[in-house]
Each structure stands twice: as structure tokens, then as C-alpha cells.
Amino acid sequence: MFNSCLKRFFSGYIARCRKLSDITQEEMAFRLNIELRSYADIEHGINMCSTPTLVSFVRAFDVDVGGMFEELFEYLNSVEGQL
């Protein structure tokens, strides 16, 4: 259950960033140096992104890592009873 919560959070976070950046899934996959299908699976919550992909995402989009993890912890606290 914990892993599915992580997948749900990161798929939403990454998808939101892509949409705010007004880029396609294809462009996002290119920026993250992964296959389009792999990116689509991440965004749809089918697979969790790997550590290298997460690092590429943080670097490519200048993500505030502290803010991202703060959001993650808030999300996990909100679903704590479901874990």
C-alpha cells in the first residue's frame, strides 16, 4: 500500500509539472532521457520512476526538493489511515 501511495504522489507531481510547463509527454520523456512508454507509465501510476529518473526530473525542472518532500509528507499524512 505504501508503494502505491508513493506511485500516486509522484505520478501526480510529475504530471502536474509537465502540464504547468506546457510540454507533451514525448518532450518530458526526452528531457528525462527515458522512453515515451516508460514516461506514460510513470504519469499514469503504472510504474514508479527510478531514482535516476527522479534526479533527472529534479534537475531538468529545477524542482524545490524540500518543497516536493513537504508535499509528499502532507500527502502521506492525509492517507495514513489507508496505509
Protein backbone atom coordinates (compact mmCIF):
# COMPACT_ATOMS: atom_id res chain seq x y z
CA MET A 1 0.00 0.00 0.00
CA PHE A 2 2.84 2.40 0.83
CA ASN A 3 4.41 1.86 -2.61
CA SER A 4 1.11 2.57 -4.36
CA CYS A 5 0.81 5.82 -2.40
CA LEU A 6 4.31 6.83 -3.50
CA LYS A 7 3.46 6.00 -7.12
CA ARG A 8 0.25 8.02 -6.89
CA PHE A 9 2.02 11.03 -5.39
CA PHE A 10 4.96 11.10 -7.80
CA SER A 11 2.84 10.41 -10.88
CA GLY A 12 0.62 13.36 -9.96
CA TYR A 13 3.52 15.61 -9.08
CA ILE A 14 5.41 14.89 -12.29
CA ALA A 15 2.27 15.18 -14.44
CA ARG A 16 1.40 18.50 -12.83
CA CYS A 17 4.88 19.83 -13.53
CA ARG A 18 4.67 18.72 -17.16
CA LYS A 19 1.30 20.37 -17.66
CA LEU A 20 2.41 23.60 -15.98
CA SER A 21 5.44 23.59 -18.28
CA ASP A 22 3.07 23.14 -21.24
CA ILE A 23 5.04 20.29 -22.77
CA THR A 24 3.97 16.96 -24.22
CA GLN A 25 4.63 13.58 -22.69
CA GLU A 26 7.05 13.00 -25.56
CA GLU A 27 9.05 16.13 -24.66
CA MET A 28 9.02 15.18 -20.99
CA ALA A 29 10.33 11.69 -21.79
CA PHE A 30 13.08 13.26 -23.89
CA ARG A 31 14.09 15.61 -21.07
CA LEU A 32 14.20 12.71 -18.63
CA ASN A 33 16.10 10.52 -21.09
CA ILE A 34 13.55 7.71 -20.96
CA GLU A 35 11.24 6.06 -23.48
CA LEU A 36 7.84 7.64 -24.05
CA ARG A 37 6.07 4.47 -22.90
CA SER A 38 8.09 4.46 -19.68
CA TYR A 39 7.17 8.07 -19.03
CA ALA A 40 3.48 7.44 -19.76
CA ASP A 41 3.54 4.51 -17.32
CA ILE A 42 5.01 6.77 -14.63
CA GLU A 43 2.47 9.52 -15.23
CA HIS A 44 -0.42 7.06 -15.17
CA GLY A 45 0.81 5.47 -11.93
CA ILE A 46 1.58 2.11 -13.50
CA ASN A 47 5.28 2.23 -12.60
CA MET A 48 7.29 4.23 -10.11
CA CYS A 49 10.08 6.33 -11.53
CA SER A 50 13.59 5.16 -10.82
CA THR A 51 15.99 7.17 -8.71
CA PRO A 52 17.98 8.31 -11.79
CA THR A 53 14.74 9.44 -13.46
CA LEU A 54 13.66 11.31 -10.34
CA VAL A 55 17.05 13.04 -10.17
CA SER A 56 16.80 13.94 -13.87
CA PHE A 57 13.33 15.39 -13.22
CA VAL A 58 14.56 17.47 -10.29
CA ARG A 59 17.49 18.81 -12.31
CA ALA A 60 15.59 19.41 -15.56
CA PHE A 61 12.81 21.35 -13.88
CA ASP A 62 14.77 22.96 -11.03
CA VAL A 63 12.42 21.35 -8.51
CA ASP A 64 12.50 22.58 -4.93
CA VAL A 65 13.27 19.19 -3.38
CA GLY A 66 12.38 20.36 0.12
CA GLY A 67 9.01 21.58 -1.09
CA MET A 68 8.41 18.38 -3.02
CA PHE A 69 9.09 16.23 0.03
CA GLU A 70 6.99 18.52 2.21
CA GLU A 71 4.09 17.90 -0.17
CA LEU A 72 4.86 14.18 -0.10
CA PHE A 73 4.74 14.07 3.71
CA GLU A 74 1.48 16.03 3.77
CA TYR A 75 0.02 13.58 1.27
CA LEU A 76 1.20 10.55 3.24
CA ASN A 77 -0.26 12.02 6.43
CA SER A 78 -3.58 12.54 4.66
CA VAL A 79 -3.76 8.87 3.61
CA GLU A 80 -2.17 7.45 6.76
CA GLY A 81 -5.28 5.54 7.77
CA GLN A 82 -5.24 3.77 4.40
CA LEU A 83 -1.66 2.52 4.75
